[in-house]
Amino acid sequence: EPANLSGLVLIDELDLFLHPDWQTDFIEALAKTFPNLQFIATTHSPLLISKLKPSQIVLLDWDAHGNISTQPFDGDPRLMTATDLYRRLFGVGEPPPTDLARALSRYRYLGADPERDANEERELQSLRRELEQADVDLSESQPRARSRSSRRRS
């Protein structure tokens, strides 16, 4: 029986081959299924970490002499977004959206502004060319002017 097993299990890259949907509950399911096993695992997935207590996370890094050093995690992953975890745990400075996604967002924003000025119109056309050159399908992203009554008044 799984509940009767005891020991230590080491797993490298626990998130490999796991669908993202499964990752958020996987560690909890392991602990429930195998209550007498201790798991030590590595991962690069913020989804696996998102339900852990800070005391369950140990960060590994290289020290100045090339040795592996450990340090506790000083945040609470249960209160953080995946973007926060990518930044704090893995040093990912600028996670998605990509530059192309930001360009599309700006294109939609400018296109929806019926009061855009000449500079904004040039920017809109430049963004259109950039997106078309990148083979972005703009058929569902055509800018539509908002009516003046739906615009916020200051």
Protein backbone atom coordinates (compact mmCIF):
# COMPACT_ATOMS: atom_id res chain seq x y z
CA GLU A 1 0.00 0.00 0.00
CA PRO A 2 1.32 3.48 -0.85
CA ALA A 3 0.52 4.74 2.66
CA ASN A 4 2.79 2.08 4.19
CA LEU A 5 5.88 3.05 2.19
CA SER A 6 8.54 5.04 4.00
CA GLY A 7 11.76 6.56 2.85
CA LEU A 8 13.27 9.37 0.84
CA VAL A 9 12.54 10.06 -2.84
CA LEU A 10 14.74 12.33 -4.97
CA ILE A 11 13.23 13.71 -8.18
CA ASP A 12 15.02 15.99 -10.62
CA GLU A 13 12.74 18.36 -12.55
CA LEU A 14 9.47 17.19 -11.07
CA ASP A 15 7.46 19.25 -13.55
CA LEU A 16 8.74 17.44 -16.65
CA PHE A 17 5.98 15.79 -18.66
CA LEU A 18 3.26 17.12 -16.35
CA HIS A 19 0.45 19.13 -17.88
CA PRO A 20 0.33 22.61 -16.28
CA ASP A 21 -3.14 21.82 -14.92
CA TRP A 22 -1.72 18.93 -12.91
CA GLN A 23 1.30 20.82 -11.62
CA THR A 24 -0.57 23.01 -9.12
CA ASP A 25 -1.93 20.03 -7.18
CA PHE A 26 0.77 17.43 -7.83
CA ILE A 27 2.91 17.92 -4.71
CA GLU A 28 -0.18 17.89 -2.49
CA ALA A 29 -1.35 14.68 -4.19
CA LEU A 30 2.05 13.04 -3.66
CA ALA A 31 2.04 13.94 0.04
CA LYS A 32 -1.49 12.62 0.48
CA THR A 33 -0.83 9.38 -1.43
CA PHE A 34 2.55 8.71 0.21
CA PRO A 35 2.30 10.25 3.71
CA ASN A 36 5.42 8.47 5.01
CA LEU A 37 7.73 9.39 2.15
CA GLN A 38 9.87 12.50 2.11
CA PHE A 39 10.25 14.06 -1.33
CA ILE A 40 13.14 16.24 -2.37
CA ALA A 41 12.60 17.60 -5.86
CA THR A 42 13.95 20.22 -8.21
CA THR A 43 11.82 22.27 -10.56
CA HIS A 44 11.74 25.35 -12.75
CA SER A 45 7.96 25.58 -12.62
CA PRO A 46 6.25 28.29 -10.59
CA LEU A 47 3.05 26.22 -10.83
CA LEU A 48 4.53 23.42 -8.73
CA ILE A 49 5.77 25.89 -6.15
CA SER A 50 2.61 27.99 -5.96
CA LYS A 51 0.99 26.02 -3.12
CA LEU A 52 4.10 25.42 -1.01
CA LYS A 53 4.89 27.07 2.29
CA PRO A 54 8.12 29.11 2.36
CA SER A 55 9.68 26.50 4.67
CA GLN A 56 9.24 23.88 1.95
CA ILE A 57 11.46 25.75 -0.53
CA VAL A 58 15.24 25.82 -0.54
CA LEU A 59 17.02 27.84 -3.20
CA LEU A 60 20.25 26.48 -4.65
CA ASP A 61 22.87 28.79 -6.11
CA TRP A 62 26.60 29.01 -6.73
CA ASP A 63 28.72 30.88 -4.20
CA ALA A 64 31.79 32.99 -5.07
CA HIS A 65 34.03 29.89 -4.92
CA GLY A 66 31.90 27.81 -7.29
CA ASN A 67 30.29 25.74 -4.56
CA ILE A 68 26.58 25.11 -4.36
CA SER A 69 24.99 27.09 -1.55
CA THR A 70 21.50 26.96 -0.12
CA GLN A 71 19.29 29.73 1.10
CA PRO A 72 15.71 29.87 2.31
CA PHE A 73 13.06 31.56 0.24
CA ASP A 74 11.99 34.82 1.88
CA GLY A 75 8.55 35.13 0.28
CA ASP A 76 5.32 33.18 0.41
CA PRO A 77 4.63 31.56 -2.96
CA ARG A 78 0.98 31.04 -2.03
CA LEU A 79 0.57 34.83 -2.21
CA MET A 80 2.53 35.39 -5.42
CA THR A 81 1.72 35.34 -9.10
CA ALA A 82 3.59 33.09 -11.53
CA THR A 83 5.34 36.23 -12.82
CA ASP A 84 6.49 37.10 -9.28
CA LEU A 85 7.80 33.57 -8.82
CA TYR A 86 9.62 33.60 -12.15
CA ARG A 87 11.34 36.84 -11.14
CA ARG A 88 12.16 35.95 -7.53
CA LEU A 89 13.07 32.27 -7.92
CA PHE A 90 14.46 32.00 -11.42
CA GLY A 91 15.70 35.51 -12.20
CA VAL A 92 13.49 35.88 -15.26
CA GLY A 93 13.45 39.65 -15.66
CA GLU A 94 10.84 40.12 -18.35
CA PRO A 95 8.41 37.24 -18.75
CA PRO A 96 5.74 37.31 -21.45
CA PRO A 97 3.95 39.10 -22.94
CA THR A 98 6.45 39.28 -25.74
CA ASP A 99 7.35 42.44 -27.61
CA LEU A 100 5.00 41.29 -30.36
CA ALA A 101 2.13 40.86 -27.90
CA ARG A 102 2.79 44.35 -26.51
CA ALA A 103 2.80 45.75 -30.05
CA LEU A 104 -0.57 44.11 -30.75
CA SER A 105 -2.00 45.48 -27.52
CA ARG A 106 -0.80 49.00 -28.37
CA TYR A 107 -2.18 48.61 -31.93
CA ARG A 108 -5.60 47.70 -30.55
CA TYR A 109 -5.50 50.55 -28.04
CA LEU A 110 -4.59 53.18 -30.62
CA GLY A 111 -7.07 51.79 -33.13
CA ALA A 112 -9.88 52.08 -30.61
CA ASP A 113 -9.21 55.78 -29.99
CA PRO A 114 -11.33 57.95 -32.31
CA GLU A 115 -9.45 61.02 -31.14
CA ARG A 116 -5.93 59.82 -31.90
CA ASP A 117 -3.67 62.55 -33.20
CA ALA A 118 -1.40 62.46 -36.25
CA ASN A 119 1.55 61.01 -34.30
CA GLU A 120 -0.63 58.24 -32.90
CA GLU A 121 -2.00 57.54 -36.38
CA ARG A 122 1.57 57.15 -37.70
CA GLU A 123 2.38 54.86 -34.77
CA LEU A 124 -0.75 52.82 -35.52
CA GLN A 125 0.29 52.38 -39.16
CA SER A 126 3.86 51.50 -38.15
CA LEU A 127 2.57 48.89 -35.71
CA ARG A 128 0.30 47.47 -38.42
CA ARG A 129 3.29 47.03 -40.76
CA GLU A 130 5.39 45.47 -37.98
CA LEU A 131 2.64 43.01 -37.07
CA GLU A 132 1.93 42.10 -40.69
CA GLN A 133 5.65 41.51 -41.33
CA ALA A 134 5.66 39.13 -38.37
CA ASP A 135 2.72 37.23 -39.93
CA VAL A 136 0.31 38.21 -37.18
CA ASP A 137 -3.28 37.67 -38.32
CA LEU A 138 -4.94 41.03 -37.78
CA SER A 139 -8.35 39.95 -39.10
CA GLU A 140 -9.68 39.57 -35.57
CA SER A 141 -7.60 42.43 -34.22
CA GLN A 142 -8.81 45.22 -36.46
CA PRO A 143 -8.94 48.42 -34.47
CA ARG A 144 -12.43 49.68 -33.96
CA ALA A 145 -13.04 53.23 -32.89
CA ARG A 146 -14.78 53.57 -29.59
CA SER A 147 -17.75 55.85 -29.63
CA ARG A 148 -17.21 59.17 -27.93
CA SER A 149 -19.93 58.35 -25.41
CA SER A 150 -18.07 55.22 -24.23
CA ARG A 151 -14.80 57.08 -23.62
CA ARG A 152 -14.01 58.09 -20.09
CA ARG A 153 -14.30 61.75 -19.36
CA SER A 154 -11.89 63.35 -16.93
